[in-house]
PDB file of N, CA and C in Angstrom:
ATOM      1  N   MET A   1      -9.948 -13.157  -5.367  1.00  0.00           N
ATOM      2  CA  MET A   1      -8.546 -12.755  -5.579  1.00  0.00           C
ATOM      3  C   MET A   1      -8.445 -11.234  -5.499  1.00  0.00           C
ATOM      4  N   THR A   2      -7.506 -10.757  -4.718  1.00  0.00           N
ATOM      5  CA  THR A   2      -7.361  -9.319  -4.533  1.00  0.00           C
ATOM      6  C   THR A   2      -6.408  -8.737  -5.562  1.00  0.00           C
ATOM      7  N   ILE A   3      -6.447  -7.428  -5.706  1.00  0.00           N
ATOM      8  CA  ILE A   3      -5.527  -6.751  -6.624  1.00  0.00           C
ATOM      9  C   ILE A   3      -4.086  -7.059  -6.237  1.00  0.00           C
ATOM     10  N   LYS A   4      -3.832  -7.112  -4.932  1.00  0.00           N
ATOM     11  CA  LYS A   4      -2.473  -7.385  -4.453  1.00  0.00           C
ATOM     12  C   LYS A   4      -2.011  -8.764  -4.890  1.00  0.00           C
ATOM     13  N   GLU A   5      -2.918  -9.747  -4.837  1.00  0.00           N
ATOM     14  CA  GLU A   5      -2.580 -11.108  -5.273  1.00  0.00           C
ATOM     15  C   GLU A   5      -2.333 -11.147  -6.777  1.00  0.00           C
ATOM     16  N   VAL A   6      -3.193 -10.448  -7.520  1.00  0.00           N
ATOM     17  CA  VAL A   6      -3.012 -10.383  -8.971  1.00  0.00           C
ATOM     18  C   VAL A   6      -1.670  -9.753  -9.306  1.00  0.00           C
ATOM     19  N   ALA A   7      -1.349  -8.672  -8.621  1.00  0.00           N
ATOM     20  CA  ALA A   7      -0.086  -7.975  -8.854  1.00  0.00           C
ATOM     21  C   ALA A   7       1.100  -8.884  -8.558  1.00  0.00           C
ATOM     22  N   SER A   8       0.993  -9.654  -7.474  1.00  0.00           N
ATOM     23  CA  SER A   8       2.062 -10.571  -7.103  1.00  0.00           C
ATOM     24  C   SER A   8       2.262 -11.640  -8.169  1.00  0.00           C
ATOM     25  N   GLN A   9       1.145 -12.183  -8.662  1.00  0.00           N
ATOM     26  CA  GLN A   9       1.191 -13.215  -9.697  1.00  0.00           C
ATOM     27  C   GLN A   9       1.783 -12.660 -10.991  1.00  0.00           C
ATOM     28  N   ALA A  10       1.393 -11.430 -11.327  1.00  0.00           N
ATOM     29  CA  ALA A  10       1.803 -10.834 -12.595  1.00  0.00           C
ATOM     30  C   ALA A  10       3.184 -10.191 -12.499  1.00  0.00           C
ATOM     31  N   GLY A  11       3.653  -9.968 -11.284  1.00  0.00           N
ATOM     32  CA  GLY A  11       4.967  -9.372 -11.096  1.00  0.00           C
ATOM     33  C   GLY A  11       4.956  -7.877 -11.361  1.00  0.00           C
ATOM     34  N   VAL A  12       3.812  -7.233 -11.080  1.00  0.00           N
ATOM     35  CA  VAL A  12       3.714  -5.789 -11.259  1.00  0.00           C
ATOM     36  C   VAL A  12       3.237  -5.152  -9.962  1.00  0.00           C
ATOM     37  N   SER A  13       3.262  -3.824  -9.899  1.00  0.00           N
ATOM     38  CA  SER A  13       2.823  -3.129  -8.699  1.00  0.00           C
ATOM     39  C   SER A  13       1.311  -3.103  -8.613  1.00  0.00           C
ATOM     40  N   THR A  14       0.802  -2.948  -7.389  1.00  0.00           N
ATOM     41  CA  THR A  14      -0.644  -2.865  -7.208  1.00  0.00           C
ATOM     42  C   THR A  14      -1.198  -1.639  -7.917  1.00  0.00           C
ATOM     43  N   ALA A  15      -0.401  -0.582  -7.984  1.00  0.00           N
ATOM     44  CA  ALA A  15      -0.832   0.638  -8.666  1.00  0.00           C
ATOM     45  C   ALA A  15      -1.053   0.374 -10.146  1.00  0.00           C
ATOM     46  N   ALA A  16      -0.157  -0.421 -10.743  1.00  0.00           N
ATOM     47  CA  ALA A  16      -0.285  -0.745 -12.161  1.00  0.00           C
ATOM     48  C   ALA A  16      -1.533  -1.578 -12.410  1.00  0.00           C
ATOM     49  N   VAL A  17      -1.789  -2.537 -11.529  1.00  0.00           N
ATOM     50  CA  VAL A  17      -2.970  -3.384 -11.664  1.00  0.00           C
ATOM     51  C   VAL A  17      -4.236  -2.556 -11.476  1.00  0.00           C
ATOM     52  N   SER A  18      -4.216  -1.676 -10.470  1.00  0.00           N
ATOM     53  CA  SER A  18      -5.374  -0.827 -10.202  1.00  0.00           C
ATOM     54  C   SER A  18      -5.671   0.056 -11.403  1.00  0.00           C
ATOM     55  N   ARG A  19      -4.612   0.632 -11.978  1.00  0.00           N
ATOM     56  CA  ARG A  19      -4.770   1.495 -13.147  1.00  0.00           C
ATOM     57  C   ARG A  19      -5.310   0.689 -14.320  1.00  0.00           C
ATOM     58  N   TYR A  20      -4.850  -0.540 -14.479  1.00  0.00           N
ATOM     59  CA  TYR A  20      -5.328  -1.410 -15.555  1.00  0.00           C
ATOM     60  C   TYR A  20      -6.818  -1.679 -15.407  1.00  0.00           C
ATOM     61  N   PHE A  21      -7.244  -2.023 -14.189  1.00  0.00           N
ATOM     62  CA  PHE A  21      -8.662  -2.313 -13.959  1.00  0.00           C
ATOM     63  C   PHE A  21      -9.516  -1.062 -14.129  1.00  0.00           C
ATOM     64  N   ASN A  22      -9.017   0.068 -13.661  1.00  0.00           N
ATOM     65  CA  ASN A  22      -9.778   1.313 -13.742  1.00  0.00           C
ATOM     66  C   ASN A  22      -9.881   1.799 -15.178  1.00  0.00           C
ATOM     67  N   GLY A  23      -8.818   1.597 -15.959  1.00  0.00           N
ATOM     68  CA  GLY A  23      -8.793   2.087 -17.332  1.00  0.00           C
ATOM     69  C   GLY A  23      -9.299   1.060 -18.323  1.00  0.00           C
ATOM     70  N   GLY A  24      -9.435  -0.187 -17.876  1.00  0.00           N
ATOM     71  CA  GLY A  24      -9.840  -1.261 -18.767  1.00  0.00           C
ATOM     72  C   GLY A  24      -8.684  -1.684 -19.657  1.00  0.00           C
ATOM     73  N   SER A  25      -8.957  -2.505 -20.639  1.00  0.00           N
ATOM     74  CA  SER A  25      -7.917  -2.986 -21.538  1.00  0.00           C
ATOM     75  C   SER A  25      -8.049  -2.289 -22.883  1.00  0.00           C
TER      76      SER A  25
END
């Protein structure tokens, strides 16, 4: 699953998902 797919599922931008993965939870 790509970041773009995750973003689509979550309804957020790819930038937000990328920042989440890079920064952790």
